[in-house]
């Protein structure tokens, strides 16, 4: 297995570049398939892939929870502002767009 590819997947997930991470995962899956067919140790490749999947899942869940907390905070601020009759806008850079 190419360790650079698994590192690239980790970097993409850690930085929130989920579209890029998905494309890298597709490349990783192709490599993993070839490794299992022709490699000397398919169990090692499967274990490495499993560890990467677990790590990516944990990071994605954390990013999702953080995004939900930001949405909840924005909704709370909007309700408070509406109660006082003032419109509210989020501070610049507080909301980051991402596609899942």
N, C-alpha and C. Protein backbone atom coordinates (compact mmCIF):
# COMPACT_ATOMS: atom_id res chain seq x y z
N UNK A 1 0.84 -1.18 0.00
CA UNK A 1 0.00 0.00 0.00
C UNK A 1 0.88 1.24 0.00
N UNK A 2 0.39 2.26 -0.64
CA UNK A 2 1.11 3.53 -0.71
C UNK A 2 0.82 4.34 0.55
N UNK A 3 1.82 4.51 1.43
CA UNK A 3 1.58 5.27 2.66
C UNK A 3 1.28 6.74 2.38
N UNK A 4 1.75 7.25 1.24
CA UNK A 4 1.45 8.64 0.89
C UNK A 4 -0.04 8.84 0.64
N UNK A 5 -0.69 7.85 0.07
CA UNK A 5 -2.11 7.96 -0.21
C UNK A 5 -2.93 7.94 1.08
N UNK A 6 -2.59 7.07 2.01
CA UNK A 6 -3.33 7.05 3.28
C UNK A 6 -3.07 8.35 4.05
N UNK A 7 -1.86 8.89 3.96
CA UNK A 7 -1.57 10.17 4.60
C UNK A 7 -2.36 11.30 3.96
N UNK A 8 -2.49 11.24 2.64
CA UNK A 8 -3.27 12.26 1.93
C UNK A 8 -4.74 12.20 2.34
N UNK A 9 -5.26 11.00 2.51
CA UNK A 9 -6.65 10.85 2.98
C UNK A 9 -6.78 11.47 4.36
N UNK A 10 -5.86 11.18 5.24
CA UNK A 10 -5.91 11.74 6.61
C UNK A 10 -5.83 13.27 6.59
N UNK A 11 -4.95 13.81 5.77
CA UNK A 11 -4.82 15.28 5.70
C UNK A 11 -6.11 15.90 5.18
N UNK A 12 -6.70 15.31 4.15
CA UNK A 12 -7.93 15.86 3.58
C UNK A 12 -9.07 15.82 4.59
N UNK A 13 -9.21 14.71 5.30
CA UNK A 13 -10.28 14.60 6.30
C UNK A 13 -10.03 15.59 7.45
N UNK A 14 -8.79 15.65 7.92
CA UNK A 14 -8.46 16.53 9.05
C UNK A 14 -8.69 18.00 8.71
N UNK A 15 -8.51 18.37 7.45
CA UNK A 15 -8.70 19.77 7.06
C UNK A 15 -10.12 20.07 6.62
N UNK A 16 -10.99 19.07 6.63
CA UNK A 16 -12.39 19.28 6.28
C UNK A 16 -12.66 19.26 4.78
N UNK A 17 -11.70 18.82 4.00
CA UNK A 17 -11.87 18.74 2.55
C UNK A 17 -12.48 17.38 2.21
N UNK A 18 -13.77 17.23 2.49
CA UNK A 18 -14.40 15.93 2.39
C UNK A 18 -14.59 15.46 0.95
N UNK A 19 -14.78 16.39 0.02
CA UNK A 19 -14.89 15.99 -1.38
C UNK A 19 -13.56 15.43 -1.87
N UNK A 20 -12.47 16.11 -1.53
CA UNK A 20 -11.14 15.63 -1.90
C UNK A 20 -10.87 14.28 -1.22
N UNK A 21 -11.26 14.17 0.03
CA UNK A 21 -11.05 12.92 0.77
C UNK A 21 -11.78 11.77 0.11
N UNK A 22 -12.98 12.03 -0.38
CA UNK A 22 -13.74 10.97 -1.06
C UNK A 22 -13.01 10.49 -2.31
N UNK A 23 -12.46 11.41 -3.09
CA UNK A 23 -11.71 11.02 -4.29
C UNK A 23 -10.45 10.23 -3.92
N UNK A 24 -9.78 10.67 -2.87
CA UNK A 24 -8.60 9.94 -2.42
C UNK A 24 -8.97 8.55 -1.91
N UNK A 25 -10.13 8.45 -1.23
CA UNK A 25 -10.60 7.15 -0.76
C UNK A 25 -10.84 6.20 -1.93
N UNK A 26 -11.37 6.74 -3.02
CA UNK A 26 -11.61 5.89 -4.19
C UNK A 26 -10.29 5.34 -4.73
N UNK A 27 -9.27 6.19 -4.78
CA UNK A 27 -7.95 5.73 -5.21
C UNK A 27 -7.39 4.69 -4.23
N UNK A 28 -7.58 4.97 -2.95
CA UNK A 28 -7.10 4.05 -1.91
C UNK A 28 -7.78 2.69 -2.05
N UNK A 29 -9.08 2.71 -2.31
CA UNK A 29 -9.84 1.46 -2.46
C UNK A 29 -9.33 0.65 -3.65
N UNK A 30 -9.00 1.32 -4.74
CA UNK A 30 -8.45 0.61 -5.90
C UNK A 30 -7.11 -0.03 -5.55
N UNK A 31 -6.27 0.71 -4.85
CA UNK A 31 -4.98 0.15 -4.43
C UNK A 31 -5.17 -1.03 -3.48
N UNK A 32 -6.11 -0.87 -2.58
CA UNK A 32 -6.38 -1.93 -1.60
C UNK A 32 -6.86 -3.19 -2.32
N UNK A 33 -7.72 -3.03 -3.30
CA UNK A 33 -8.22 -4.18 -4.06
C UNK A 33 -7.07 -4.90 -4.76
N UNK A 34 -6.19 -4.13 -5.37
CA UNK A 34 -5.04 -4.74 -6.06
C UNK A 34 -4.11 -5.43 -5.05
N UNK A 35 -3.91 -4.80 -3.92
CA UNK A 35 -3.05 -5.39 -2.88
C UNK A 35 -3.62 -6.72 -2.41
N UNK A 36 -4.93 -6.78 -2.25
CA UNK A 36 -5.56 -8.02 -1.78
C UNK A 36 -5.49 -9.12 -2.84
N UNK A 37 -5.55 -8.74 -4.10
CA UNK A 37 -5.49 -9.73 -5.17
C UNK A 37 -4.07 -10.26 -5.39
N UNK A 38 -3.10 -9.35 -5.35
CA UNK A 38 -1.75 -9.73 -5.77
C UNK A 38 -0.70 -9.57 -4.68
N UNK A 39 -1.06 -8.96 -3.56
CA UNK A 39 -0.07 -8.70 -2.53
C UNK A 39 0.23 -9.92 -1.69
N UNK A 40 1.36 -9.88 -1.01
CA UNK A 40 1.75 -11.02 -0.18
C UNK A 40 0.97 -11.11 1.13
N UNK A 41 0.41 -10.00 1.59
CA UNK A 41 -0.25 -10.00 2.90
C UNK A 41 -1.58 -9.25 2.83
N UNK A 42 -2.64 -9.89 2.31
CA UNK A 42 -3.92 -9.18 2.21
C UNK A 42 -4.52 -8.83 3.56
N UNK A 43 -4.22 -9.62 4.60
CA UNK A 43 -4.75 -9.30 5.93
C UNK A 43 -4.16 -8.00 6.45
N UNK A 44 -2.90 -7.76 6.16
CA UNK A 44 -2.26 -6.51 6.57
C UNK A 44 -2.90 -5.31 5.89
N UNK A 45 -3.22 -5.47 4.61
CA UNK A 45 -3.87 -4.38 3.87
C UNK A 45 -5.26 -4.12 4.43
N UNK A 46 -5.98 -5.18 4.77
CA UNK A 46 -7.32 -5.01 5.34
C UNK A 46 -7.26 -4.32 6.71
N UNK A 47 -6.29 -4.68 7.52
CA UNK A 47 -6.16 -4.07 8.84
C UNK A 47 -5.81 -2.58 8.72
N UNK A 48 -4.93 -2.26 7.80
CA UNK A 48 -4.57 -0.85 7.58
C UNK A 48 -5.79 -0.06 7.11
N UNK A 49 -6.55 -0.63 6.19
CA UNK A 49 -7.76 0.03 5.68
C UNK A 49 -8.79 0.20 6.80
N UNK A 50 -8.93 -0.81 7.65
CA UNK A 50 -9.88 -0.72 8.76
C UNK A 50 -9.49 0.41 9.71
N UNK A 51 -8.21 0.50 10.05
CA UNK A 51 -7.76 1.56 10.94
C UNK A 51 -8.00 2.94 10.34
N UNK A 52 -7.75 3.06 9.04
CA UNK A 52 -7.98 4.34 8.38
C UNK A 52 -9.47 4.69 8.37
N UNK A 53 -10.32 3.70 8.12
CA UNK A 53 -11.76 3.95 8.13
C UNK A 53 -12.25 4.38 9.50
N UNK A 54 -11.78 3.72 10.55
CA UNK A 54 -12.18 4.08 11.91
C UNK A 54 -11.76 5.51 12.23
N UNK A 55 -10.53 5.86 11.88
CA UNK A 55 -10.03 7.20 12.15
C UNK A 55 -10.84 8.24 11.38
N UNK A 56 -11.10 7.98 10.09
CA UNK A 56 -11.88 8.92 9.28
C UNK A 56 -13.29 9.08 9.82
N UNK A 57 -13.87 8.00 10.25
CA UNK A 57 -15.23 8.07 10.81
C UNK A 57 -15.24 8.94 12.06
N UNK A 58 -14.28 8.76 12.94
CA UNK A 58 -14.22 9.56 14.16
C UNK A 58 -14.04 11.04 13.84
N UNK A 59 -13.16 11.35 12.91
CA UNK A 59 -12.92 12.74 12.54
C UNK A 59 -14.14 13.37 11.88
N UNK A 60 -14.82 12.60 11.04
CA UNK A 60 -16.02 13.10 10.37
C UNK A 60 -17.14 13.35 11.37
N UNK A 61 -17.30 12.45 12.32
CA UNK A 61 -18.32 12.66 13.36
C UNK A 61 -18.01 13.89 14.20
N UNK A 62 -16.74 14.11 14.50
CA UNK A 62 -16.35 15.30 15.26
C UNK A 62 -16.63 16.57 14.46
N UNK A 63 -16.31 16.57 13.18
CA UNK A 63 -16.58 17.73 12.33
C UNK A 63 -18.08 17.99 12.22
N UNK A 64 -18.84 16.92 12.12
CA UNK A 64 -20.29 17.05 12.04
C UNK A 64 -20.86 17.63 13.33
N UNK A 65 -20.36 17.18 14.46
CA UNK A 65 -20.82 17.70 15.75
C UNK A 65 -20.46 19.18 15.90
N UNK A 66 -19.27 19.54 15.45
CA UNK A 66 -18.86 20.95 15.52
C UNK A 66 -19.75 21.81 14.63
N UNK A 67 -20.06 21.35 13.43
CA UNK A 67 -20.94 22.09 12.53
C UNK A 67 -22.34 22.23 13.14
N UNK A 68 -22.83 21.17 13.78
CA UNK A 68 -24.14 21.24 14.42
C UNK A 68 -24.13 22.24 15.57
N UNK A 69 -23.06 22.28 16.34
CA UNK A 69 -22.95 23.25 17.43
C UNK A 69 -22.96 24.68 16.89
N UNK A 70 -22.29 24.90 15.75
CA UNK A 70 -22.31 26.23 15.14
C UNK A 70 -23.71 26.61 14.68
N UNK A 71 -24.42 25.65 14.08
CA UNK A 71 -25.80 25.92 13.66
C UNK A 71 -26.71 26.20 14.85
N UNK A 72 -26.54 25.44 15.92
CA UNK A 72 -27.34 25.65 17.12
C UNK A 72 -27.07 27.04 17.70
N UNK A 73 -25.82 27.44 17.74
CA UNK A 73 -25.45 28.75 18.25
C UNK A 73 -26.06 29.86 17.39
N UNK A 74 -26.01 29.70 16.08
CA UNK A 74 -26.59 30.68 15.18
C UNK A 74 -28.10 30.77 15.38
N UNK A 75 -28.75 29.62 15.52
CA UNK A 75 -30.20 29.62 15.75
C UNK A 75 -30.55 30.31 17.06
N UNK A 76 -29.75 30.06 18.10
CA UNK A 76 -29.97 30.69 19.39
C UNK A 76 -29.80 32.21 19.28
N UNK A 77 -28.76 32.65 18.61
CA UNK A 77 -28.52 34.08 18.43
C UNK A 77 -29.62 34.73 17.63
N UNK A 78 -30.14 34.01 16.64
CA UNK A 78 -31.22 34.54 15.81
C UNK A 78 -32.49 34.72 16.63
N UNK A 79 -32.79 33.73 17.49
CA UNK A 79 -33.97 33.85 18.35
C UNK A 79 -33.84 35.02 19.31
N UNK A 80 -32.67 35.20 19.89
CA UNK A 80 -32.45 36.32 20.83
C UNK A 80 -32.57 37.64 20.09
N UNK A 81 -31.97 37.73 18.92
CA UNK A 81 -32.04 38.97 18.15
C UNK A 81 -33.47 39.28 17.74
N UNK A 82 -34.24 38.25 17.38
CA UNK A 82 -35.64 38.45 17.01
C UNK A 82 -36.45 38.95 18.20
N UNK A 83 -36.11 38.45 19.38
CA UNK A 83 -36.83 38.89 20.58
C UNK A 83 -36.59 40.37 20.85
N UNK A 84 -35.42 40.87 20.49
CA UNK A 84 -35.11 42.28 20.69
C UNK A 84 -35.36 43.11 19.44
N UNK A 85 -35.85 42.46 18.38
CA UNK A 85 -36.19 43.18 17.16
C UNK A 85 -35.00 43.61 16.33
N UNK A 86 -33.88 42.93 16.51
CA UNK A 86 -32.68 43.27 15.73
C UNK A 86 -32.28 42.09 14.86
N UNK A 87 -31.92 42.37 13.61
CA UNK A 87 -31.40 41.28 12.79
C UNK A 87 -29.99 40.90 13.25
N UNK A 88 -29.62 39.67 13.01
CA UNK A 88 -28.29 39.22 13.40
C UNK A 88 -27.57 38.63 12.20
N UNK A 89 -26.30 38.81 12.18
CA UNK A 89 -25.46 38.18 11.16
C UNK A 89 -24.30 37.51 11.88
N UNK A 90 -23.88 36.37 11.38
CA UNK A 90 -22.74 35.70 12.03
C UNK A 90 -21.46 36.49 11.80
N UNK A 91 -20.54 36.45 12.75
CA UNK A 91 -19.27 37.13 12.54
C UNK A 91 -18.54 36.52 11.34
N UNK A 92 -17.78 37.34 10.62
CA UNK A 92 -17.07 36.81 9.45
C UNK A 92 -16.18 35.63 9.81
N UNK A 93 -16.24 34.62 8.99
CA UNK A 93 -15.38 33.44 9.19
C UNK A 93 -15.89 32.45 10.21
N UNK A 94 -17.06 32.70 10.81
CA UNK A 94 -17.54 31.79 11.84
C UNK A 94 -18.27 30.58 11.26
N UNK A 95 -18.73 30.69 10.02
CA UNK A 95 -19.41 29.59 9.37
C UNK A 95 -18.58 29.18 8.16
N UNK A 96 -18.27 27.88 8.08
CA UNK A 96 -17.49 27.37 6.97
C UNK A 96 -18.37 26.42 6.17
N UNK A 97 -18.44 26.63 4.89
CA UNK A 97 -19.25 25.78 4.04
C UNK A 97 -18.52 24.48 3.76
N UNK A 98 -19.26 23.38 3.85
CA UNK A 98 -18.69 22.08 3.54
C UNK A 98 -19.79 21.20 2.98
N UNK A 99 -19.39 20.30 2.12
CA UNK A 99 -20.36 19.34 1.56
C UNK A 99 -20.02 17.97 2.10
N UNK A 100 -21.05 17.26 2.53
CA UNK A 100 -20.85 15.92 3.07
C UNK A 100 -21.46 14.90 2.16
